[in-house]
Amino acid sequence: MLGNRATTVPLCASIGEMLGRLDRVLVGFHHPAQSHALLWNLCNAAYMHNFIHYFQTGEQRALASAALAAFEQQVQPVMATLPAQVIHNDFNVHNILCSEQSIEGVIDFGDVICAPRVQDLAIAASYMMGTGTQPLEQFMAILSGYCRTIALTGVELACLPAMMGARLVMSLGISSWRASRNPAEAGYVTRNQAIAWQGLARLEALQDILRDRVLTFATA
């Protein structure tokens, strides 16, 4: 699993390529359950306001609130216009199988849903923000790898940073809520929180740069 390896820029490029290939072959795929209700659907990120009180510090609550506000301002008004299809919806380090240099496979299709395709990329990129030592370079590598297969519009790309932030808040909020309901499993369900908080802080620091960089990939 990728979670057992150091995240490198070449591996991030391979992540983007693999996800792009997966999303490309899912174009046109339909299933009766593709629009089922799912807490992990990023389209429902605003609901995470109800989970912020689980965060331990005022700094954490402020960081999460700012990320959700960015999502509501930048993504929600255009969400219905974004190209949508069936997506994997959980391209995180524990679901990606890799060798030392490239991604070899993906597992766990339990969160598959019909949603904006850029949501898939935002989820994958969000998990990389808190790992490794080159967050900007890692993000650009994932984006570049994905765009070699799928051409994203300017509107999709403009939504990407805010979607990433909302996904990190979602991961933190849901895991904190689950830990509060089942303290015996708290260590397991919150095991990735340190990485998620670091990713959210890095995203906040880099957001202006990211907004400028992503638009260089726009096709329309």
N, C-alpha and C. Protein backbone atom coordinates (compact mmCIF):
# COMPACT_ATOMS: atom_id res chain seq x y z
N MET A 1 0.84 -1.20 0.00
CA MET A 1 0.00 0.00 0.00
C MET A 1 0.87 1.25 0.00
N LEU A 2 0.39 2.28 -0.67
CA LEU A 2 1.15 3.52 -0.75
C LEU A 2 1.39 4.11 0.64
N GLY A 3 0.47 3.86 1.57
CA GLY A 3 0.61 4.38 2.92
C GLY A 3 1.83 3.85 3.64
N ASN A 4 2.41 2.77 3.14
CA ASN A 4 3.61 2.20 3.76
C ASN A 4 4.90 2.68 3.11
N ARG A 5 4.81 3.60 2.15
CA ARG A 5 5.98 4.10 1.45
C ARG A 5 6.08 5.61 1.57
N ALA A 6 7.26 6.13 1.37
CA ALA A 6 7.44 7.58 1.31
C ALA A 6 6.84 8.10 0.01
N THR A 7 6.09 9.17 0.11
CA THR A 7 5.46 9.75 -1.07
C THR A 7 6.49 10.60 -1.82
N THR A 8 6.76 10.23 -3.06
CA THR A 8 7.71 10.97 -3.88
C THR A 8 6.98 11.66 -5.03
N VAL A 9 7.63 12.62 -5.65
CA VAL A 9 7.02 13.32 -6.79
C VAL A 9 6.73 12.35 -7.93
N PRO A 10 7.66 11.44 -8.30
CA PRO A 10 7.32 10.48 -9.36
C PRO A 10 6.12 9.60 -9.02
N LEU A 11 6.01 9.17 -7.76
CA LEU A 11 4.84 8.38 -7.37
C LEU A 11 3.57 9.20 -7.49
N CYS A 12 3.62 10.48 -7.15
CA CYS A 12 2.44 11.34 -7.27
C CYS A 12 2.01 11.47 -8.73
N ALA A 13 2.97 11.59 -9.63
CA ALA A 13 2.63 11.64 -11.06
C ALA A 13 1.94 10.36 -11.49
N SER A 14 2.42 9.22 -10.96
CA SER A 14 1.81 7.94 -11.28
C SER A 14 0.41 7.82 -10.69
N ILE A 15 0.20 8.40 -9.51
CA ILE A 15 -1.14 8.43 -8.92
C ILE A 15 -2.11 9.15 -9.85
N GLY A 16 -1.70 10.32 -10.31
CA GLY A 16 -2.55 11.09 -11.22
C GLY A 16 -2.86 10.34 -12.50
N GLU A 17 -1.84 9.67 -13.05
CA GLU A 17 -2.04 8.92 -14.29
C GLU A 17 -3.02 7.76 -14.08
N MET A 18 -2.84 7.01 -12.99
CA MET A 18 -3.72 5.89 -12.71
C MET A 18 -5.16 6.34 -12.50
N LEU A 19 -5.34 7.42 -11.75
CA LEU A 19 -6.70 7.92 -11.50
C LEU A 19 -7.32 8.43 -12.78
N GLY A 20 -6.54 9.10 -13.61
CA GLY A 20 -7.06 9.56 -14.90
C GLY A 20 -7.51 8.42 -15.78
N ARG A 21 -6.72 7.35 -15.81
CA ARG A 21 -7.08 6.17 -16.59
C ARG A 21 -8.37 5.55 -16.06
N LEU A 22 -8.48 5.48 -14.73
CA LEU A 22 -9.68 4.89 -14.12
C LEU A 22 -10.92 5.72 -14.45
N ASP A 23 -10.82 7.03 -14.28
CA ASP A 23 -11.97 7.88 -14.57
C ASP A 23 -12.34 7.84 -16.05
N ARG A 24 -11.33 7.72 -16.90
CA ARG A 24 -11.62 7.67 -18.34
C ARG A 24 -12.43 6.43 -18.70
N VAL A 25 -12.08 5.27 -18.13
CA VAL A 25 -12.81 4.06 -18.49
C VAL A 25 -14.19 4.01 -17.82
N LEU A 26 -14.40 4.83 -16.77
CA LEU A 26 -15.71 4.87 -16.13
C LEU A 26 -16.69 5.82 -16.82
N VAL A 27 -16.20 6.60 -17.79
CA VAL A 27 -17.10 7.47 -18.54
C VAL A 27 -18.17 6.62 -19.24
N GLY A 28 -19.41 6.95 -19.03
CA GLY A 28 -20.48 6.20 -19.66
C GLY A 28 -20.96 5.01 -18.86
N PHE A 29 -20.26 4.69 -17.75
CA PHE A 29 -20.72 3.58 -16.90
C PHE A 29 -21.87 4.05 -16.02
N HIS A 30 -22.91 3.23 -15.93
CA HIS A 30 -24.07 3.58 -15.11
C HIS A 30 -24.49 2.37 -14.27
N HIS A 31 -25.08 2.64 -13.13
CA HIS A 31 -25.55 1.57 -12.24
C HIS A 31 -26.74 2.12 -11.45
N PRO A 32 -27.74 1.30 -11.16
CA PRO A 32 -28.92 1.78 -10.43
C PRO A 32 -28.60 2.41 -9.08
N ALA A 33 -27.48 2.02 -8.45
CA ALA A 33 -27.14 2.53 -7.12
C ALA A 33 -26.14 3.68 -7.15
N GLN A 34 -25.87 4.24 -8.32
CA GLN A 34 -24.80 5.22 -8.43
C GLN A 34 -25.09 6.55 -7.72
N SER A 35 -26.32 6.79 -7.38
CA SER A 35 -26.67 8.05 -6.71
C SER A 35 -27.16 7.82 -5.28
N HIS A 36 -26.70 6.75 -4.68
CA HIS A 36 -27.14 6.43 -3.32
C HIS A 36 -26.64 7.47 -2.32
N ALA A 37 -27.31 7.57 -1.18
CA ALA A 37 -26.91 8.52 -0.14
C ALA A 37 -25.60 8.05 0.48
N LEU A 38 -24.63 8.96 0.60
CA LEU A 38 -23.32 8.60 1.11
C LEU A 38 -22.75 9.77 1.89
N LEU A 39 -22.44 9.55 3.16
CA LEU A 39 -21.87 10.62 3.98
C LEU A 39 -20.57 11.13 3.39
N TRP A 40 -19.81 10.25 2.73
CA TRP A 40 -18.50 10.60 2.17
C TRP A 40 -18.59 11.26 0.80
N ASN A 41 -19.76 11.67 0.39
CA ASN A 41 -19.91 12.39 -0.88
C ASN A 41 -19.53 13.86 -0.65
N LEU A 42 -18.52 14.31 -1.33
CA LEU A 42 -18.03 15.68 -1.14
C LEU A 42 -19.09 16.73 -1.44
N CYS A 43 -20.07 16.38 -2.23
CA CYS A 43 -21.17 17.31 -2.51
C CYS A 43 -21.89 17.71 -1.23
N ASN A 44 -21.77 16.90 -0.18
CA ASN A 44 -22.43 17.17 1.09
C ASN A 44 -21.49 17.81 2.11
N ALA A 45 -20.38 18.37 1.67
CA ALA A 45 -19.35 18.85 2.59
C ALA A 45 -19.86 19.89 3.58
N ALA A 46 -20.83 20.71 3.19
CA ALA A 46 -21.33 21.74 4.09
C ALA A 46 -21.90 21.14 5.37
N TYR A 47 -22.32 19.88 5.32
CA TYR A 47 -22.85 19.22 6.51
C TYR A 47 -21.79 19.08 7.59
N MET A 48 -20.52 19.19 7.20
CA MET A 48 -19.44 19.04 8.17
C MET A 48 -19.40 20.15 9.21
N HIS A 49 -20.15 21.23 9.00
CA HIS A 49 -20.26 22.26 10.05
C HIS A 49 -20.77 21.63 11.36
N ASN A 50 -21.57 20.58 11.23
CA ASN A 50 -22.12 19.91 12.40
C ASN A 50 -21.10 19.06 13.15
N PHE A 51 -19.93 18.87 12.55
CA PHE A 51 -18.91 18.02 13.15
C PHE A 51 -17.74 18.82 13.72
N ILE A 52 -17.70 20.12 13.47
CA ILE A 52 -16.54 20.92 13.87
C ILE A 52 -16.35 20.94 15.38
N HIS A 53 -17.43 20.83 16.13
CA HIS A 53 -17.29 20.89 17.60
C HIS A 53 -16.51 19.70 18.15
N TYR A 54 -16.29 18.67 17.34
CA TYR A 54 -15.48 17.54 17.80
C TYR A 54 -13.99 17.86 17.80
N PHE A 55 -13.57 18.91 17.12
CA PHE A 55 -12.15 19.25 17.05
C PHE A 55 -11.70 19.88 18.36
N GLN A 56 -10.48 19.59 18.77
CA GLN A 56 -10.04 19.87 20.13
C GLN A 56 -9.65 21.32 20.39
N THR A 57 -9.11 22.03 19.42
CA THR A 57 -8.60 23.37 19.67
C THR A 57 -9.32 24.42 18.84
N GLY A 58 -9.26 25.66 19.31
CA GLY A 58 -9.85 26.75 18.55
C GLY A 58 -9.17 26.94 17.21
N GLU A 59 -7.87 26.69 17.16
CA GLU A 59 -7.13 26.82 15.90
C GLU A 59 -7.62 25.79 14.88
N GLN A 60 -7.86 24.58 15.35
CA GLN A 60 -8.36 23.55 14.45
C GLN A 60 -9.76 23.89 13.95
N ARG A 61 -10.61 24.37 14.85
CA ARG A 61 -11.98 24.70 14.44
C ARG A 61 -11.98 25.87 13.46
N ALA A 62 -11.09 26.83 13.65
CA ALA A 62 -11.02 27.97 12.74
C ALA A 62 -10.52 27.53 11.36
N LEU A 63 -9.52 26.65 11.33
CA LEU A 63 -8.97 26.16 10.07
C LEU A 63 -10.02 25.38 9.29
N ALA A 64 -10.76 24.54 10.00
CA ALA A 64 -11.81 23.76 9.35
C ALA A 64 -12.95 24.64 8.85
N SER A 65 -13.34 25.62 9.65
CA SER A 65 -14.42 26.52 9.25
C SER A 65 -14.04 27.32 8.01
N ALA A 66 -12.80 27.77 7.93
CA ALA A 66 -12.33 28.53 6.77
C ALA A 66 -12.35 27.66 5.51
N ALA A 67 -11.97 26.39 5.65
CA ALA A 67 -11.98 25.49 4.50
C ALA A 67 -13.40 25.25 4.01
N LEU A 68 -14.34 25.07 4.92
CA LEU A 68 -15.73 24.87 4.52
C LEU A 68 -16.33 26.13 3.89
N ALA A 69 -15.94 27.29 4.41
CA ALA A 69 -16.42 28.55 3.83
C ALA A 69 -15.92 28.70 2.40
N ALA A 70 -14.67 28.33 2.15
CA ALA A 70 -14.12 28.40 0.79
C ALA A 70 -14.88 27.47 -0.14
N PHE A 71 -15.22 26.30 0.35
CA PHE A 71 -16.00 25.34 -0.46
C PHE A 71 -17.37 25.93 -0.80
N GLU A 72 -18.03 26.50 0.18
CA GLU A 72 -19.37 27.04 -0.04
C GLU A 72 -19.35 28.23 -1.00
N GLN A 73 -18.29 29.02 -0.96
CA GLN A 73 -18.20 30.20 -1.81
C GLN A 73 -17.73 29.88 -3.23
N GLN A 74 -16.80 28.94 -3.35
CA GLN A 74 -16.15 28.70 -4.63
C GLN A 74 -16.68 27.49 -5.39
N VAL A 75 -17.24 26.52 -4.67
CA VAL A 75 -17.64 25.27 -5.32
C VAL A 75 -19.15 25.11 -5.40
N GLN A 76 -19.83 25.31 -4.30
CA GLN A 76 -21.28 25.05 -4.29
C GLN A 76 -22.05 25.79 -5.39
N PRO A 77 -21.72 27.06 -5.69
CA PRO A 77 -22.50 27.75 -6.72
C PRO A 77 -22.38 27.13 -8.11
N VAL A 78 -21.31 26.39 -8.38
CA VAL A 78 -21.11 25.81 -9.71
C VAL A 78 -21.17 24.29 -9.70
N MET A 79 -21.40 23.69 -8.55
CA MET A 79 -21.35 22.23 -8.41
C MET A 79 -22.22 21.53 -9.45
N ALA A 80 -23.43 22.01 -9.66
CA ALA A 80 -24.36 21.34 -10.56
C ALA A 80 -23.93 21.43 -12.02
N THR A 81 -23.02 22.33 -12.34
CA THR A 81 -22.58 22.51 -13.73
C THR A 81 -21.33 21.70 -14.05
N LEU A 82 -20.68 21.12 -13.05
CA LEU A 82 -19.44 20.40 -13.27
C LEU A 82 -19.70 19.05 -13.95
N PRO A 83 -18.85 18.66 -14.90
CA PRO A 83 -19.01 17.35 -15.54
C PRO A 83 -19.01 16.24 -14.50
N ALA A 84 -20.03 15.38 -14.57
CA ALA A 84 -20.19 14.33 -13.55
C ALA A 84 -20.18 12.95 -14.20
N GLN A 85 -19.75 11.97 -13.41
CA GLN A 85 -19.73 10.58 -13.85
C GLN A 85 -19.55 9.70 -12.62
N VAL A 86 -19.56 8.40 -12.79
CA VAL A 86 -19.21 7.50 -11.70
C VAL A 86 -17.72 7.62 -11.41
N ILE A 87 -17.37 7.79 -10.13
CA ILE A 87 -15.97 7.95 -9.72
C ILE A 87 -15.64 6.99 -8.59
N HIS A 88 -14.36 6.77 -8.34
CA HIS A 88 -13.91 5.90 -7.25
C HIS A 88 -14.25 6.51 -5.90
N ASN A 89 -13.95 7.79 -5.72
CA ASN A 89 -14.37 8.58 -4.56
C ASN A 89 -13.59 8.30 -3.27
N ASP A 90 -12.52 7.52 -3.34
CA ASP A 90 -11.74 7.26 -2.12
C ASP A 90 -10.31 6.87 -2.47
N PHE A 91 -9.68 7.66 -3.32
CA PHE A 91 -8.33 7.36 -3.82
C PHE A 91 -7.31 7.82 -2.78
N ASN A 92 -7.27 7.13 -1.64
CA ASN A 92 -6.35 7.51 -0.58
C ASN A 92 -5.19 6.51 -0.49
N VAL A 93 -4.20 6.80 0.34
CA VAL A 93 -2.95 6.03 0.36
C VAL A 93 -3.15 4.58 0.78
N HIS A 94 -4.25 4.27 1.45
CA HIS A 94 -4.50 2.90 1.87
C HIS A 94 -5.21 2.08 0.80
N ASN A 95 -5.67 2.74 -0.25
CA ASN A 95 -6.38 2.06 -1.33
C ASN A 95 -5.57 2.00 -2.62
N ILE A 96 -4.32 2.47 -2.58
CA ILE A 96 -3.47 2.51 -3.75
C ILE A 96 -2.31 1.54 -3.55
N LEU A 97 -2.12 0.62 -4.49
CA LEU A 97 -1.05 -0.36 -4.43
C LEU A 97 0.09 0.09 -5.34
N CYS A 98 1.30 0.01 -4.84
CA CYS A 98 2.41 0.57 -5.61
C CYS A 98 3.69 -0.25 -5.49
N SER A 99 4.57 -0.05 -6.46
CA SER A 99 5.94 -0.50 -6.36
C SER A 99 6.77 0.70 -5.94
N GLU A 100 8.08 0.63 -6.04
CA GLU A 100 8.90 1.76 -5.61
C GLU A 100 8.73 2.97 -6.52
N GLN A 101 8.41 2.74 -7.78
CA GLN A 101 8.40 3.83 -8.75
C GLN A 101 7.04 4.16 -9.34
N SER A 102 6.06 3.28 -9.21
CA SER A 102 4.79 3.54 -9.88
C SER A 102 3.62 2.90 -9.16
N ILE A 103 2.44 3.35 -9.51
CA ILE A 103 1.21 2.80 -8.97
C ILE A 103 0.81 1.58 -9.79
N GLU A 104 0.50 0.49 -9.11
CA GLU A 104 0.21 -0.76 -9.80
C GLU A 104 -1.27 -1.13 -9.76
N GLY A 105 -2.03 -0.58 -8.81
CA GLY A 105 -3.44 -0.95 -8.74
C GLY A 105 -4.18 -0.14 -7.70
N VAL A 106 -5.49 -0.32 -7.67
CA VAL A 106 -6.35 0.38 -6.72
C VAL A 106 -7.38 -0.60 -6.19
N ILE A 107 -7.72 -0.48 -4.91
CA ILE A 107 -8.69 -1.35 -4.27
C ILE A 107 -9.80 -0.51 -3.62
N ASP A 108 -10.79 -1.20 -3.06
CA ASP A 108 -11.86 -0.60 -2.26
C ASP A 108 -12.75 0.34 -3.07
N PHE A 109 -13.72 -0.24 -3.73
CA PHE A 109 -14.68 0.53 -4.51
C PHE A 109 -15.99 0.73 -3.73
N GLY A 110 -15.90 0.70 -2.41
CA GLY A 110 -17.09 0.78 -1.58
C GLY A 110 -17.75 2.15 -1.54
N ASP A 111 -17.01 3.21 -1.92
CA ASP A 111 -17.57 4.56 -1.90
C ASP A 111 -17.87 5.10 -3.30
N VAL A 112 -17.90 4.22 -4.29
CA VAL A 112 -18.19 4.63 -5.66
C VAL A 112 -19.53 5.36 -5.71
N ILE A 113 -19.55 6.45 -6.47
CA ILE A 113 -20.77 7.25 -6.57
C ILE A 113 -20.69 8.11 -7.83
N CYS A 114 -21.83 8.56 -8.31
CA CYS A 114 -21.85 9.50 -9.43
C CYS A 114 -21.71 10.91 -8.85
N ALA A 115 -20.67 11.62 -9.27
CA ALA A 115 -20.37 12.94 -8.72
C ALA A 115 -19.47 13.69 -9.71
N PRO A 116 -19.19 14.96 -9.48
CA PRO A 116 -18.27 15.68 -10.36
C PRO A 116 -16.94 14.94 -10.48
N ARG A 117 -16.45 14.77 -11.70
CA ARG A 117 -15.23 13.99 -11.89
C ARG A 117 -14.02 14.62 -11.21
N VAL A 118 -13.99 15.94 -11.12
CA VAL A 118 -12.86 16.61 -10.46
C VAL A 118 -12.83 16.29 -8.97
N GLN A 119 -13.94 15.84 -8.43
CA GLN A 119 -13.99 15.42 -7.03
C GLN A 119 -13.02 14.27 -6.79
N ASP A 120 -12.89 13.35 -7.74
CA ASP A 120 -11.96 12.24 -7.61
C ASP A 120 -10.52 12.74 -7.48
N LEU A 121 -10.15 13.69 -8.32
CA LEU A 121 -8.81 14.26 -8.28
C LEU A 121 -8.58 15.03 -6.98
N ALA A 122 -9.58 15.77 -6.54
CA ALA A 122 -9.45 16.54 -5.29
C ALA A 122 -9.20 15.62 -4.11
N ILE A 123 -9.88 14.50 -4.08
CA ILE A 123 -9.70 13.55 -2.97
C ILE A 123 -8.29 12.99 -2.98
N ALA A 124 -7.82 12.55 -4.14
CA ALA A 124 -6.47 11.99 -4.23
C ALA A 124 -5.42 13.03 -3.84
N ALA A 125 -5.57 14.24 -4.35
CA ALA A 125 -4.59 15.29 -4.08
C ALA A 125 -4.62 15.72 -2.62
N SER A 126 -5.79 15.70 -2.00
CA SER A 126 -5.89 16.15 -0.61
C SER A 126 -5.07 15.26 0.31
N TYR A 127 -5.08 13.95 0.05
CA TYR A 127 -4.34 13.03 0.91
C TYR A 127 -2.83 13.19 0.75
N MET A 128 -2.39 13.73 -0.38
CA MET A 128 -0.96 13.93 -0.60
C MET A 128 -0.44 15.20 0.06
N MET A 129 -1.33 16.13 0.39
CA MET A 129 -0.88 17.41 0.95
C MET A 129 -0.20 17.25 2.30
N GLY A 130 -0.59 16.24 3.05
CA GLY A 130 -0.03 16.07 4.39
C GLY A 130 1.13 15.11 4.46
N THR A 131 1.53 14.54 3.32
CA THR A 131 2.62 13.58 3.29
C THR A 131 3.80 14.14 2.51
N GLY A 132 4.98 13.58 2.73
CA GLY A 132 6.14 14.01 1.98
C GLY A 132 6.63 15.38 2.40
N THR A 133 7.65 15.86 1.73
CA THR A 133 8.28 17.13 2.07
C THR A 133 8.13 18.18 0.99
N GLN A 134 7.44 17.85 -0.12
CA GLN A 134 7.28 18.78 -1.23
C GLN A 134 5.81 18.88 -1.63
N PRO A 135 4.97 19.43 -0.78
CA PRO A 135 3.53 19.42 -1.06
C PRO A 135 3.14 20.07 -2.38
N LEU A 136 3.75 21.19 -2.73
CA LEU A 136 3.41 21.87 -3.97
C LEU A 136 3.82 21.02 -5.17
N GLU A 137 5.03 20.51 -5.13
CA GLU A 137 5.52 19.68 -6.23
C GLU A 137 4.71 18.39 -6.36
N GLN A 138 4.35 17.81 -5.22
CA GLN A 138 3.54 16.59 -5.24
C GLN A 138 2.16 16.86 -5.83
N PHE A 139 1.56 17.98 -5.44
CA PHE A 139 0.25 18.34 -5.98
C PHE A 139 0.33 18.54 -7.49
N MET A 140 1.33 19.28 -7.95
CA MET A 140 1.46 19.54 -9.38
C MET A 140 1.71 18.26 -10.16
N ALA A 141 2.42 17.32 -9.56
CA ALA A 141 2.68 16.04 -10.23
C ALA A 141 1.39 15.24 -10.40
N ILE A 142 0.55 15.20 -9.35
CA ILE A 142 -0.74 14.50 -9.46
C ILE A 142 -1.61 15.15 -10.53
N LEU A 143 -1.68 16.47 -10.50
CA LEU A 143 -2.50 17.20 -11.46
C LEU A 143 -2.01 16.97 -12.88
N SER A 144 -0.70 17.06 -13.08
CA SER A 144 -0.14 16.85 -14.40
C SER A 144 -0.40 15.44 -14.91
N GLY A 145 -0.22 14.44 -14.03
CA GLY A 145 -0.47 13.07 -14.44
C GLY A 145 -1.91 12.84 -14.83
N TYR A 146 -2.84 13.40 -14.07
CA TYR A 146 -4.27 13.25 -14.36
C TYR A 146 -4.63 13.93 -15.68
N CYS A 147 -4.11 15.12 -15.88
CA CYS A 147 -4.47 15.90 -17.07
C CYS A 147 -3.85 15.35 -18.35
N ARG A 148 -2.91 14.43 -18.23
CA ARG A 148 -2.39 13.77 -19.43
C ARG A 148 -3.44 12.84 -20.03
N THR A 149 -4.43 12.46 -19.23
CA THR A 149 -5.48 11.55 -19.69
C THR A 149 -6.83 12.26 -19.83
N ILE A 150 -7.13 13.14 -18.90
CA ILE A 150 -8.42 13.83 -18.90
C ILE A 150 -8.20 15.33 -18.90
N ALA A 151 -8.79 16.02 -19.84
CA ALA A 151 -8.67 17.47 -19.93
C ALA A 151 -9.76 18.12 -19.08
N LEU A 152 -9.36 18.88 -18.08
CA LEU A 152 -10.30 19.54 -17.19
C LEU A 152 -10.58 20.97 -17.65
N THR A 153 -11.77 21.45 -17.35
CA THR A 153 -12.12 22.83 -17.70
C THR A 153 -11.57 23.80 -16.66
N GLY A 154 -11.56 25.06 -17.01
CA GLY A 154 -11.12 26.08 -16.07
C GLY A 154 -11.98 26.13 -14.82
N VAL A 155 -13.27 25.90 -14.96
CA VAL A 155 -14.17 25.92 -13.81
C VAL A 155 -13.84 24.77 -12.86
N GLU A 156 -13.60 23.58 -13.42
CA GLU A 156 -13.23 22.44 -12.59
C GLU A 156 -11.94 22.71 -11.83
N LEU A 157 -10.95 23.21 -12.53
CA LEU A 157 -9.66 23.47 -11.91
C LEU A 157 -9.75 24.53 -10.82
N ALA A 158 -10.58 25.54 -11.04
CA ALA A 158 -10.73 26.59 -10.04
C ALA A 158 -11.35 26.05 -8.75
N CYS A 159 -12.12 24.98 -8.86
CA CYS A 159 -12.76 24.37 -7.69
C CYS A 159 -11.82 23.46 -6.91
N LEU A 160 -10.74 23.06 -7.53
CA LEU A 160 -9.91 21.99 -6.98
C LEU A 160 -9.36 22.28 -5.58
N PRO A 161 -8.70 23.43 -5.31
CA PRO A 161 -8.17 23.66 -3.96
C PRO A 161 -9.24 23.64 -2.86
N ALA A 162 -10.37 24.28 -3.12
CA ALA A 162 -11.43 24.31 -2.11
C ALA A 162 -12.03 22.92 -1.89
N MET A 163 -12.13 22.13 -2.94
CA MET A 163 -12.60 20.75 -2.79
C MET A 163 -11.63 19.94 -1.93
N MET A 164 -10.35 20.15 -2.13
CA MET A 164 -9.35 19.44 -1.35
C MET A 164 -9.49 19.77 0.14
N GLY A 165 -9.65 21.04 0.44
CA GLY A 165 -9.81 21.45 1.83
C GLY A 165 -11.05 20.85 2.47
N ALA A 166 -12.15 20.84 1.72
CA ALA A 166 -13.39 20.29 2.25
C ALA A 166 -13.26 18.79 2.50
N ARG A 167 -12.55 18.09 1.63
CA ARG A 167 -12.37 16.65 1.83
C ARG A 167 -11.55 16.38 3.09
N LEU A 168 -10.53 17.17 3.35
CA LEU A 168 -9.73 16.98 4.56
C LEU A 168 -10.58 17.23 5.81
N VAL A 169 -11.41 18.26 5.78
CA VAL A 169 -12.31 18.51 6.91
C VAL A 169 -13.28 17.34 7.08
N MET A 170 -13.76 16.81 5.98
CA MET A 170 -14.66 15.67 6.03
C MET A 170 -13.97 14.47 6.68
N SER A 171 -12.75 14.20 6.28
CA SER A 171 -12.00 13.08 6.85
C SER A 171 -11.80 13.27 8.35
N LEU A 172 -11.44 14.47 8.75
CA LEU A 172 -11.23 14.78 10.17
C LEU A 172 -12.53 14.74 10.96
N GLY A 173 -13.58 15.30 10.39
CA GLY A 173 -14.85 15.37 11.09
C GLY A 173 -15.49 14.01 11.29
N ILE A 174 -15.53 13.21 10.23
CA ILE A 174 -16.17 11.91 10.33
C ILE A 174 -15.39 10.99 11.26
N SER A 175 -14.06 11.02 11.18
CA SER A 175 -13.26 10.16 12.06
C SER A 175 -13.39 10.58 13.52
N SER A 176 -13.46 11.89 13.77
CA SER A 176 -13.63 12.37 15.15
C SER A 176 -15.00 11.98 15.69
N TRP A 177 -16.01 12.08 14.87
CA TRP A 177 -17.37 11.69 15.26
C TRP A 177 -17.43 10.20 15.57
N ARG A 178 -16.81 9.39 14.71
CA ARG A 178 -16.80 7.93 14.92
C ARG A 178 -16.06 7.58 16.21
N ALA A 179 -14.95 8.28 16.47
CA ALA A 179 -14.18 8.01 17.69
C ALA A 179 -14.99 8.34 18.94
N SER A 180 -15.80 9.40 18.86
CA SER A 180 -16.61 9.79 20.02
C SER A 180 -17.70 8.76 20.30
N ARG A 181 -18.16 8.08 19.27
CA ARG A 181 -19.22 7.09 19.42
C ARG A 181 -18.68 5.73 19.83
N ASN A 182 -17.41 5.49 19.53
CA ASN A 182 -16.82 4.19 19.85
C ASN A 182 -15.38 4.40 20.33
N PRO A 183 -15.20 4.85 21.56
CA PRO A 183 -13.85 5.16 22.08
C PRO A 183 -12.88 3.99 21.98
N ALA A 184 -13.36 2.78 22.00
CA ALA A 184 -12.46 1.62 21.94
C ALA A 184 -11.73 1.56 20.60
N GLU A 185 -12.29 2.14 19.56
CA GLU A 185 -11.67 2.13 18.24
C GLU A 185 -11.10 3.49 17.86
N ALA A 186 -11.02 4.39 18.82
CA ALA A 186 -10.58 5.75 18.52
C ALA A 186 -9.19 5.79 17.89
N GLY A 187 -8.27 4.99 18.39
CA GLY A 187 -6.92 5.00 17.85
C GLY A 187 -6.88 4.61 16.39
N TYR A 188 -7.73 3.65 16.02
CA TYR A 188 -7.76 3.19 14.63
C TYR A 188 -8.41 4.21 13.71
N VAL A 189 -9.58 4.71 14.09
CA VAL A 189 -10.32 5.59 13.18
C VAL A 189 -9.68 6.97 13.05
N THR A 190 -8.84 7.36 14.01
CA THR A 190 -8.20 8.67 13.93
C THR A 190 -6.72 8.57 13.56
N ARG A 191 -6.29 7.42 13.08
CA ARG A 191 -4.86 7.19 12.83
C ARG A 191 -4.26 8.11 11.78
N ASN A 192 -5.09 8.65 10.89
CA ASN A 192 -4.59 9.51 9.82
C ASN A 192 -4.81 11.00 10.10
N GLN A 193 -5.26 11.34 11.30
CA GLN A 193 -5.62 12.73 11.55
C GLN A 193 -4.41 13.67 11.54
N ALA A 194 -3.26 13.23 12.05
CA ALA A 194 -2.09 14.11 12.06
C ALA A 194 -1.72 14.53 10.64
N ILE A 195 -1.77 13.56 9.71
CA ILE A 195 -1.47 13.85 8.31
C ILE A 195 -2.52 14.79 7.72
N ALA A 196 -3.79 14.56 8.06
CA ALA A 196 -4.86 15.40 7.53
C ALA A 196 -4.75 16.83 8.03
N TRP A 197 -4.43 17.01 9.33
CA TRP A 197 -4.27 18.37 9.85
C TRP A 197 -3.08 19.07 9.19
N GLN A 198 -1.99 18.33 9.00
CA GLN A 198 -0.85 18.93 8.32
C GLN A 198 -1.20 19.31 6.89
N GLY A 199 -1.96 18.45 6.23
CA GLY A 199 -2.38 18.75 4.87
C GLY A 199 -3.26 19.97 4.80
N LEU A 200 -4.18 20.12 5.75
CA LEU A 200 -5.07 21.27 5.76
C LEU A 200 -4.30 22.56 6.01
N ALA A 201 -3.32 22.51 6.90
CA ALA A 201 -2.49 23.69 7.17
C ALA A 201 -1.65 24.06 5.95
N ARG A 202 -1.09 23.05 5.30
CA ARG A 202 -0.29 23.32 4.09
C ARG A 202 -1.17 23.89 2.99
N LEU A 203 -2.36 23.36 2.84
CA LEU A 203 -3.27 23.84 1.82
C LEU A 203 -3.64 25.29 2.06
N GLU A 204 -3.87 25.65 3.31
CA GLU A 204 -4.18 27.04 3.66
C GLU A 204 -3.02 27.95 3.29
N ALA A 205 -1.80 27.51 3.55
CA ALA A 205 -0.62 28.33 3.26
C ALA A 205 -0.35 28.46 1.76
N LEU A 206 -0.74 27.44 1.00
CA LEU A 206 -0.41 27.41 -0.43
C LEU A 206 -1.58 27.78 -1.34
N GLN A 207 -2.74 28.12 -0.77
CA GLN A 207 -3.95 28.23 -1.58
C GLN A 207 -3.84 29.26 -2.70
N ASP A 208 -3.20 30.41 -2.45
CA ASP A 208 -3.08 31.41 -3.51
C ASP A 208 -2.21 30.90 -4.65
N ILE A 209 -1.12 30.23 -4.32
CA ILE A 209 -0.24 29.66 -5.34
C ILE A 209 -0.96 28.58 -6.13
N LEU A 210 -1.69 27.72 -5.42
CA LEU A 210 -2.40 26.64 -6.08
C LEU A 210 -3.44 27.17 -7.06
N ARG A 211 -4.17 28.19 -6.66
CA ARG A 211 -5.20 28.74 -7.55
C ARG A 211 -4.59 29.25 -8.85
N ASP A 212 -3.40 29.84 -8.76
CA ASP A 212 -2.73 30.33 -9.97
C ASP A 212 -2.19 29.18 -10.82
N ARG A 213 -1.60 28.18 -10.15
CA ARG A 213 -0.96 27.08 -10.88
C ARG A 213 -1.97 26.20 -11.59
N VAL A 214 -3.11 25.91 -10.95
CA VAL A 214 -4.04 24.96 -11.54
C VAL A 214 -4.62 25.46 -12.86
N LEU A 215 -4.81 26.76 -12.97
CA LEU A 215 -5.46 27.30 -14.15
C LEU A 215 -4.59 27.18 -15.41
N THR A 216 -3.30 26.91 -15.23
CA THR A 216 -2.43 26.72 -16.40
C THR A 216 -2.77 25.42 -17.12
N PHE A 217 -3.57 24.55 -16.48
CA PHE A 217 -3.96 23.29 -17.09
C PHE A 217 -5.33 23.36 -17.76
N ALA A 218 -5.97 24.52 -17.70
CA ALA A 218 -7.35 24.64 -18.21
C ALA A 218 -7.41 24.45 -19.72
N THR A 219 -8.47 23.78 -20.16
CA THR A 219 -8.69 23.58 -21.59
C THR A 219 -9.83 24.44 -22.13
N ALA A 220 -10.64 24.99 -21.22
CA ALA A 220 -11.79 25.80 -21.67
C ALA A 220 -12.22 26.70 -20.53
